[in-house]
Amino acid sequence: MIRVQREDFDIGAELDRLAAGDHRVGGVASFVGLVRDMGGANRVSALTLEHYPGMTEKKLAEIEAEANRRWPLAASLIIHRYGRLEPGDRIVLVATASPHREAALAACHFLIDWLKTDAPFWKSEETPQGERWVEARAEDEAARQRWSGGG
């Protein structure tokens, strides 16, 4: 399931719903991304995420479908927020459920690595020096590249 939304989410409620009633599930893995108050050496007072509705959901669905192709998942969830967020706010929830923990953990890791590089979100940070766009990081691309050979 994919959701792109402005509003916050309840982590516990989302995880409870993920595999509710599916007794084949033996493991649920999750990742929650939060807004930091630092961007490199600069203090960050807010982060604004922009996206193109329709295009964003399509790309996230492609990434989710790839995870489901690579691992035997019973369920998966990607919730990504947009708009202006402050330090400590939740940005993203990625969760996977599978009969076995290895698949749930690997798929969750795969999804967050791909989201960092392939999800069409644009981020700007508010700093004491002014607003600036967040550039792609080499570490994120390297993390994504390790998945290129398969799961």
N, C-alpha and C. Protein backbone atom coordinates (compact mmCIF):
# COMPACT_ATOMS: atom_id res chain seq x y z
N MET A 1 0.85 -1.17 0.00
CA MET A 1 0.00 0.00 0.00
C MET A 1 0.89 1.23 0.00
N ILE A 2 0.48 2.23 -0.77
CA ILE A 2 1.22 3.48 -0.91
C ILE A 2 0.31 4.61 -0.45
N ARG A 3 0.87 5.51 0.37
CA ARG A 3 0.14 6.74 0.71
C ARG A 3 1.12 7.90 0.73
N VAL A 4 0.78 8.95 0.02
CA VAL A 4 1.54 10.19 0.03
C VAL A 4 0.58 11.22 0.62
N GLN A 5 0.98 11.81 1.75
CA GLN A 5 0.03 12.65 2.48
C GLN A 5 0.74 13.76 3.23
N ARG A 6 -0.01 14.80 3.51
CA ARG A 6 0.50 15.92 4.28
C ARG A 6 0.46 15.60 5.78
N GLU A 7 -0.58 14.91 6.22
CA GLU A 7 -0.80 14.68 7.65
C GLU A 7 0.11 13.59 8.22
N ASP A 8 0.30 13.66 9.53
CA ASP A 8 1.11 12.70 10.27
C ASP A 8 0.41 11.34 10.28
N PHE A 9 1.10 10.33 10.75
CA PHE A 9 0.55 8.98 10.83
C PHE A 9 0.87 8.39 12.20
N ASP A 10 0.09 7.41 12.59
CA ASP A 10 0.27 6.70 13.85
C ASP A 10 1.00 5.40 13.57
N ILE A 11 2.26 5.32 13.95
CA ILE A 11 3.10 4.16 13.63
C ILE A 11 2.47 2.87 14.14
N GLY A 12 2.05 2.85 15.40
CA GLY A 12 1.48 1.63 15.98
C GLY A 12 0.24 1.17 15.25
N ALA A 13 -0.65 2.09 14.95
CA ALA A 13 -1.88 1.74 14.24
C ALA A 13 -1.58 1.21 12.84
N GLU A 14 -0.62 1.84 12.17
CA GLU A 14 -0.25 1.40 10.81
C GLU A 14 0.34 -0.01 10.84
N LEU A 15 1.21 -0.28 11.80
CA LEU A 15 1.81 -1.62 11.89
C LEU A 15 0.78 -2.66 12.30
N ASP A 16 -0.15 -2.28 13.18
CA ASP A 16 -1.22 -3.22 13.56
C ASP A 16 -2.05 -3.63 12.35
N ARG A 17 -2.35 -2.67 11.46
CA ARG A 17 -3.17 -2.95 10.28
C ARG A 17 -2.43 -3.72 9.20
N LEU A 18 -1.11 -3.60 9.18
CA LEU A 18 -0.32 -4.14 8.08
C LEU A 18 -0.59 -5.63 7.82
N ALA A 19 -0.55 -6.41 8.83
CA ALA A 19 -0.72 -7.86 8.65
C ALA A 19 -1.86 -8.41 9.52
N ALA A 20 -2.79 -7.56 9.89
CA ALA A 20 -3.89 -7.97 10.76
C ALA A 20 -4.63 -9.17 10.18
N GLY A 21 -4.73 -10.22 10.98
CA GLY A 21 -5.47 -11.41 10.59
C GLY A 21 -4.73 -12.36 9.67
N ASP A 22 -3.54 -12.01 9.22
CA ASP A 22 -2.76 -12.88 8.34
C ASP A 22 -1.79 -13.67 9.21
N HIS A 23 -2.16 -14.88 9.54
CA HIS A 23 -1.36 -15.69 10.47
C HIS A 23 -0.21 -16.41 9.78
N ARG A 24 -0.01 -16.14 8.50
CA ARG A 24 1.21 -16.62 7.83
C ARG A 24 2.40 -15.75 8.17
N VAL A 25 2.14 -14.52 8.58
CA VAL A 25 3.20 -13.56 8.85
C VAL A 25 3.97 -13.94 10.11
N GLY A 26 5.28 -14.04 9.96
CA GLY A 26 6.14 -14.35 11.09
C GLY A 26 7.05 -13.20 11.47
N GLY A 27 7.09 -12.16 10.62
CA GLY A 27 7.95 -11.03 10.92
C GLY A 27 7.47 -9.76 10.23
N VAL A 28 7.55 -8.67 10.95
CA VAL A 28 7.24 -7.35 10.41
C VAL A 28 8.47 -6.48 10.67
N ALA A 29 8.96 -5.84 9.62
CA ALA A 29 10.10 -4.92 9.74
C ALA A 29 9.62 -3.53 9.37
N SER A 30 10.18 -2.53 10.05
CA SER A 30 9.76 -1.16 9.74
C SER A 30 10.92 -0.19 9.88
N PHE A 31 10.77 0.93 9.19
CA PHE A 31 11.71 2.04 9.28
C PHE A 31 10.89 3.32 9.34
N VAL A 32 11.24 4.20 10.26
CA VAL A 32 10.60 5.50 10.37
C VAL A 32 11.68 6.56 10.18
N GLY A 33 11.48 7.44 9.21
CA GLY A 33 12.41 8.54 8.98
C GLY A 33 11.89 9.80 9.65
N LEU A 34 12.79 10.53 10.31
CA LEU A 34 12.46 11.74 11.05
C LEU A 34 13.24 12.93 10.50
N VAL A 35 12.69 14.11 10.67
CA VAL A 35 13.40 15.33 10.30
C VAL A 35 14.47 15.60 11.35
N ARG A 36 15.71 15.82 10.90
CA ARG A 36 16.82 16.17 11.80
C ARG A 36 16.91 17.68 11.92
N ASP A 37 17.58 18.13 12.96
CA ASP A 37 17.78 19.57 13.12
C ASP A 37 19.13 20.02 12.56
N MET A 38 19.81 19.12 11.86
CA MET A 38 21.09 19.46 11.23
C MET A 38 21.08 18.97 9.79
N GLY A 39 21.61 19.75 8.90
CA GLY A 39 21.83 19.37 7.51
C GLY A 39 23.28 19.66 7.20
N GLY A 40 24.12 18.65 7.26
CA GLY A 40 25.56 18.89 7.15
C GLY A 40 26.00 19.65 8.39
N ALA A 41 26.64 20.80 8.20
CA ALA A 41 27.11 21.60 9.32
C ALA A 41 26.11 22.68 9.73
N ASN A 42 24.97 22.73 9.06
CA ASN A 42 24.00 23.80 9.30
C ASN A 42 22.80 23.33 10.13
N ARG A 43 22.34 24.22 11.00
CA ARG A 43 21.11 23.95 11.75
C ARG A 43 19.95 24.05 10.78
N VAL A 44 18.97 23.19 10.97
CA VAL A 44 17.79 23.17 10.13
C VAL A 44 16.57 23.43 11.02
N SER A 45 15.79 24.45 10.68
CA SER A 45 14.59 24.75 11.46
C SER A 45 13.34 24.13 10.85
N ALA A 46 13.40 23.78 9.56
CA ALA A 46 12.28 23.12 8.89
C ALA A 46 12.76 22.50 7.58
N LEU A 47 12.00 21.51 7.14
CA LEU A 47 12.26 20.83 5.88
C LEU A 47 10.95 20.85 5.11
N THR A 48 10.99 21.29 3.85
CA THR A 48 9.79 21.28 3.02
C THR A 48 9.99 20.27 1.90
N LEU A 49 9.02 19.35 1.78
CA LEU A 49 9.06 18.34 0.73
C LEU A 49 7.97 18.65 -0.28
N GLU A 50 8.37 18.66 -1.56
CA GLU A 50 7.44 18.87 -2.65
C GLU A 50 7.43 17.63 -3.52
N HIS A 51 6.32 17.43 -4.26
CA HIS A 51 6.23 16.30 -5.17
C HIS A 51 5.18 16.59 -6.23
N TYR A 52 5.16 15.73 -7.26
CA TYR A 52 4.14 15.82 -8.30
C TYR A 52 3.12 14.72 -8.05
N PRO A 53 1.91 15.08 -7.61
CA PRO A 53 0.87 14.07 -7.38
C PRO A 53 0.65 13.24 -8.65
N GLY A 54 0.45 11.97 -8.44
CA GLY A 54 0.27 11.04 -9.56
C GLY A 54 1.59 10.43 -9.96
N MET A 55 2.56 11.24 -10.31
CA MET A 55 3.88 10.74 -10.67
C MET A 55 4.55 10.09 -9.45
N THR A 56 4.42 10.72 -8.30
CA THR A 56 5.05 10.20 -7.09
C THR A 56 4.48 8.84 -6.73
N GLU A 57 3.17 8.73 -6.69
CA GLU A 57 2.54 7.46 -6.33
C GLU A 57 2.89 6.35 -7.32
N LYS A 58 2.97 6.71 -8.60
CA LYS A 58 3.33 5.71 -9.62
C LYS A 58 4.74 5.18 -9.37
N LYS A 59 5.68 6.07 -9.10
CA LYS A 59 7.06 5.63 -8.86
C LYS A 59 7.17 4.81 -7.58
N LEU A 60 6.48 5.22 -6.52
CA LEU A 60 6.51 4.45 -5.28
C LEU A 60 5.91 3.07 -5.49
N ALA A 61 4.85 2.97 -6.29
CA ALA A 61 4.23 1.67 -6.59
C ALA A 61 5.20 0.77 -7.35
N GLU A 62 6.00 1.35 -8.25
CA GLU A 62 7.00 0.57 -8.98
C GLU A 62 8.05 0.02 -8.02
N ILE A 63 8.50 0.84 -7.10
CA ILE A 63 9.51 0.41 -6.12
C ILE A 63 8.92 -0.69 -5.22
N GLU A 64 7.68 -0.50 -4.79
CA GLU A 64 7.02 -1.51 -3.95
C GLU A 64 6.83 -2.82 -4.72
N ALA A 65 6.44 -2.75 -5.98
CA ALA A 65 6.26 -3.95 -6.79
C ALA A 65 7.58 -4.71 -6.94
N GLU A 66 8.68 -3.98 -7.08
CA GLU A 66 9.99 -4.63 -7.18
C GLU A 66 10.33 -5.38 -5.89
N ALA A 67 10.03 -4.79 -4.74
CA ALA A 67 10.27 -5.49 -3.47
C ALA A 67 9.43 -6.76 -3.39
N ASN A 68 8.18 -6.67 -3.83
CA ASN A 68 7.31 -7.85 -3.80
C ASN A 68 7.76 -8.91 -4.80
N ARG A 69 8.41 -8.49 -5.87
CA ARG A 69 8.96 -9.45 -6.83
C ARG A 69 10.17 -10.18 -6.24
N ARG A 70 10.98 -9.46 -5.49
CA ARG A 70 12.23 -10.03 -4.97
C ARG A 70 12.04 -10.88 -3.72
N TRP A 71 11.06 -10.55 -2.89
CA TRP A 71 10.89 -11.26 -1.62
C TRP A 71 9.45 -11.70 -1.44
N PRO A 72 9.23 -12.80 -0.69
CA PRO A 72 7.87 -13.29 -0.45
C PRO A 72 7.18 -12.48 0.65
N LEU A 73 6.62 -11.35 0.27
CA LEU A 73 5.97 -10.46 1.24
C LEU A 73 4.48 -10.74 1.31
N ALA A 74 3.96 -10.72 2.51
CA ALA A 74 2.52 -10.82 2.71
C ALA A 74 1.89 -9.44 2.60
N ALA A 75 2.66 -8.41 2.94
CA ALA A 75 2.15 -7.04 2.88
C ALA A 75 3.33 -6.07 2.90
N SER A 76 3.09 -4.88 2.37
CA SER A 76 4.09 -3.82 2.44
C SER A 76 3.35 -2.48 2.51
N LEU A 77 4.04 -1.51 3.07
CA LEU A 77 3.45 -0.20 3.28
C LEU A 77 4.51 0.87 3.12
N ILE A 78 4.19 1.90 2.35
CA ILE A 78 5.03 3.08 2.24
C ILE A 78 4.12 4.29 2.47
N ILE A 79 4.41 5.03 3.53
CA ILE A 79 3.73 6.30 3.77
C ILE A 79 4.80 7.37 3.71
N HIS A 80 4.62 8.34 2.83
CA HIS A 80 5.60 9.42 2.70
C HIS A 80 4.86 10.75 2.80
N ARG A 81 5.34 11.60 3.67
CA ARG A 81 4.71 12.90 3.87
C ARG A 81 5.32 13.96 2.96
N TYR A 82 4.58 15.02 2.76
CA TYR A 82 5.06 16.19 2.04
C TYR A 82 4.59 17.43 2.78
N GLY A 83 5.10 18.57 2.36
CA GLY A 83 4.77 19.83 3.02
C GLY A 83 5.90 20.25 3.95
N ARG A 84 5.60 21.22 4.80
CA ARG A 84 6.61 21.76 5.72
C ARG A 84 6.61 20.95 7.01
N LEU A 85 7.78 20.42 7.36
CA LEU A 85 7.95 19.60 8.56
C LEU A 85 9.07 20.19 9.41
N GLU A 86 8.96 20.00 10.71
CA GLU A 86 9.95 20.53 11.64
C GLU A 86 10.75 19.39 12.26
N PRO A 87 11.92 19.70 12.84
CA PRO A 87 12.74 18.66 13.46
C PRO A 87 11.92 17.81 14.44
N GLY A 88 12.11 16.50 14.31
CA GLY A 88 11.37 15.54 15.13
C GLY A 88 10.12 15.01 14.45
N ASP A 89 9.62 15.70 13.42
CA ASP A 89 8.43 15.22 12.71
C ASP A 89 8.77 13.98 11.91
N ARG A 90 7.78 13.11 11.75
CA ARG A 90 7.95 11.91 10.93
C ARG A 90 7.81 12.29 9.45
N ILE A 91 8.70 11.73 8.63
CA ILE A 91 8.67 11.95 7.18
C ILE A 91 8.12 10.72 6.48
N VAL A 92 8.63 9.56 6.85
CA VAL A 92 8.33 8.35 6.08
C VAL A 92 8.19 7.14 7.02
N LEU A 93 7.31 6.23 6.63
CA LEU A 93 7.19 4.92 7.27
C LEU A 93 7.24 3.89 6.16
N VAL A 94 8.16 2.97 6.28
CA VAL A 94 8.24 1.82 5.39
C VAL A 94 8.11 0.59 6.27
N ALA A 95 7.20 -0.30 5.89
CA ALA A 95 7.01 -1.53 6.67
C ALA A 95 6.75 -2.70 5.73
N THR A 96 7.28 -3.84 6.09
CA THR A 96 7.09 -5.06 5.31
C THR A 96 6.74 -6.20 6.25
N ALA A 97 5.91 -7.10 5.76
CA ALA A 97 5.51 -8.28 6.53
C ALA A 97 5.72 -9.51 5.65
N SER A 98 6.27 -10.55 6.26
CA SER A 98 6.58 -11.77 5.51
C SER A 98 6.50 -12.97 6.47
N PRO A 99 6.36 -14.16 5.92
CA PRO A 99 6.40 -15.34 6.78
C PRO A 99 7.73 -15.47 7.54
N HIS A 100 8.80 -14.90 6.98
CA HIS A 100 10.12 -15.04 7.60
C HIS A 100 10.79 -13.67 7.76
N ARG A 101 11.50 -13.49 8.88
CA ARG A 101 12.10 -12.20 9.20
C ARG A 101 13.12 -11.74 8.18
N GLU A 102 13.90 -12.69 7.61
CA GLU A 102 14.93 -12.29 6.66
C GLU A 102 14.34 -11.52 5.49
N ALA A 103 13.24 -12.01 4.95
CA ALA A 103 12.60 -11.35 3.81
C ALA A 103 12.03 -9.99 4.22
N ALA A 104 11.40 -9.93 5.38
CA ALA A 104 10.83 -8.66 5.85
C ALA A 104 11.93 -7.63 6.05
N LEU A 105 13.03 -8.02 6.69
CA LEU A 105 14.13 -7.09 6.94
C LEU A 105 14.80 -6.63 5.64
N ALA A 106 15.09 -7.57 4.74
CA ALA A 106 15.76 -7.22 3.49
C ALA A 106 14.88 -6.32 2.64
N ALA A 107 13.60 -6.64 2.53
CA ALA A 107 12.70 -5.83 1.71
C ALA A 107 12.54 -4.42 2.28
N CYS A 108 12.47 -4.30 3.57
CA CYS A 108 12.36 -2.99 4.21
C CYS A 108 13.62 -2.16 3.91
N HIS A 109 14.77 -2.77 4.05
CA HIS A 109 16.04 -2.10 3.78
C HIS A 109 16.11 -1.67 2.31
N PHE A 110 15.74 -2.57 1.41
CA PHE A 110 15.71 -2.27 -0.02
C PHE A 110 14.81 -1.07 -0.31
N LEU A 111 13.61 -1.09 0.24
CA LEU A 111 12.65 -0.01 -0.03
C LEU A 111 13.18 1.35 0.42
N ILE A 112 13.73 1.44 1.61
CA ILE A 112 14.19 2.74 2.08
C ILE A 112 15.41 3.21 1.29
N ASP A 113 16.30 2.28 0.91
CA ASP A 113 17.44 2.67 0.08
C ASP A 113 16.98 3.23 -1.27
N TRP A 114 16.00 2.60 -1.89
CA TRP A 114 15.51 3.07 -3.19
C TRP A 114 14.71 4.36 -3.04
N LEU A 115 13.97 4.51 -1.96
CA LEU A 115 13.21 5.74 -1.75
C LEU A 115 14.14 6.96 -1.67
N LYS A 116 15.28 6.78 -1.03
CA LYS A 116 16.22 7.90 -0.86
C LYS A 116 16.74 8.43 -2.20
N THR A 117 16.79 7.57 -3.22
CA THR A 117 17.36 8.00 -4.50
C THR A 117 16.34 8.11 -5.63
N ASP A 118 15.29 7.31 -5.61
CA ASP A 118 14.39 7.24 -6.76
C ASP A 118 13.01 7.86 -6.55
N ALA A 119 12.63 8.11 -5.32
CA ALA A 119 11.32 8.71 -5.09
C ALA A 119 11.35 10.17 -5.52
N PRO A 120 10.38 10.61 -6.31
CA PRO A 120 10.41 11.98 -6.82
C PRO A 120 9.89 13.02 -5.81
N PHE A 121 10.72 13.25 -4.81
CA PHE A 121 10.46 14.31 -3.83
C PHE A 121 11.61 15.30 -3.91
N TRP A 122 11.28 16.57 -3.76
CA TRP A 122 12.28 17.62 -3.73
C TRP A 122 12.23 18.25 -2.35
N LYS A 123 13.42 18.39 -1.74
CA LYS A 123 13.49 18.85 -0.35
C LYS A 123 14.27 20.16 -0.26
N SER A 124 13.73 21.08 0.51
CA SER A 124 14.48 22.30 0.82
C SER A 124 14.53 22.47 2.33
N GLU A 125 15.68 22.93 2.81
CA GLU A 125 15.89 23.13 4.23
C GLU A 125 15.89 24.62 4.55
N GLU A 126 15.29 24.96 5.67
CA GLU A 126 15.37 26.32 6.20
C GLU A 126 16.50 26.34 7.22
N THR A 127 17.51 27.17 6.95
CA THR A 127 18.67 27.27 7.83
C THR A 127 18.87 28.74 8.20
N PRO A 128 19.73 29.03 9.20
CA PRO A 128 20.02 30.43 9.52
C PRO A 128 20.61 31.20 8.33
N GLN A 129 21.24 30.49 7.40
CA GLN A 129 21.83 31.11 6.22
C GLN A 129 20.80 31.29 5.09
N GLY A 130 19.59 30.82 5.28
CA GLY A 130 18.55 30.91 4.26
C GLY A 130 18.07 29.53 3.83
N GLU A 131 17.19 29.53 2.86
CA GLU A 131 16.64 28.27 2.35
C GLU A 131 17.56 27.71 1.28
N ARG A 132 17.68 26.36 1.27
CA ARG A 132 18.53 25.72 0.25
C ARG A 132 17.95 24.36 -0.10
N TRP A 133 18.13 23.97 -1.36
CA TRP A 133 17.69 22.66 -1.82
C TRP A 133 18.65 21.60 -1.33
N VAL A 134 18.12 20.45 -0.98
CA VAL A 134 18.93 19.33 -0.51
C VAL A 134 19.40 18.55 -1.73
N GLU A 135 20.70 18.39 -1.83
CA GLU A 135 21.29 17.65 -2.96
C GLU A 135 21.36 16.17 -2.64
N ALA A 136 21.39 15.36 -3.70
CA ALA A 136 21.56 13.91 -3.55
C ALA A 136 22.92 13.63 -2.92
N ARG A 137 22.99 12.59 -2.11
CA ARG A 137 24.24 12.23 -1.45
C ARG A 137 24.83 10.98 -2.07
N ALA A 138 26.13 10.96 -2.21
CA ALA A 138 26.82 9.80 -2.80
C ALA A 138 26.57 8.54 -1.98
N GLU A 139 26.48 8.67 -0.65
CA GLU A 139 26.23 7.50 0.21
C GLU A 139 24.88 6.85 -0.09
N ASP A 140 23.87 7.69 -0.39
CA ASP A 140 22.55 7.15 -0.70
C ASP A 140 22.57 6.38 -2.02
N GLU A 141 23.26 6.92 -3.01
CA GLU A 141 23.36 6.24 -4.30
C GLU A 141 24.14 4.94 -4.15
N ALA A 142 25.19 4.93 -3.35
CA ALA A 142 25.97 3.70 -3.12
C ALA A 142 25.10 2.64 -2.44
N ALA A 143 24.27 3.05 -1.49
CA ALA A 143 23.38 2.10 -0.82
C ALA A 143 22.39 1.50 -1.81
N ARG A 144 21.86 2.32 -2.69
CA ARG A 144 20.92 1.84 -3.71
C ARG A 144 21.60 0.87 -4.67
N GLN A 145 22.84 1.18 -5.07
CA GLN A 145 23.55 0.38 -6.05
C GLN A 145 23.78 -1.07 -5.60
N ARG A 146 23.88 -1.27 -4.30
CA ARG A 146 24.13 -2.66 -3.87
C ARG A 146 22.97 -3.59 -4.17
N TRP A 147 21.78 -3.01 -4.43
CA TRP A 147 20.60 -3.81 -4.74
C TRP A 147 20.46 -4.07 -6.23
N SER A 148 21.31 -3.49 -7.05
CA SER A 148 21.16 -3.61 -8.50
C SER A 148 21.34 -5.04 -9.01
N GLY A 149 22.09 -5.84 -8.30
CA GLY A 149 22.32 -7.22 -8.74
C GLY A 149 21.22 -8.19 -8.31
N GLY A 150 20.17 -7.72 -7.63
CA GLY A 150 19.10 -8.60 -7.18
C GLY A 150 19.05 -8.63 -5.67
N GLY A 151 18.05 -9.31 -5.12
CA GLY A 151 17.86 -9.35 -3.67
C GLY A 151 18.53 -10.50 -3.11
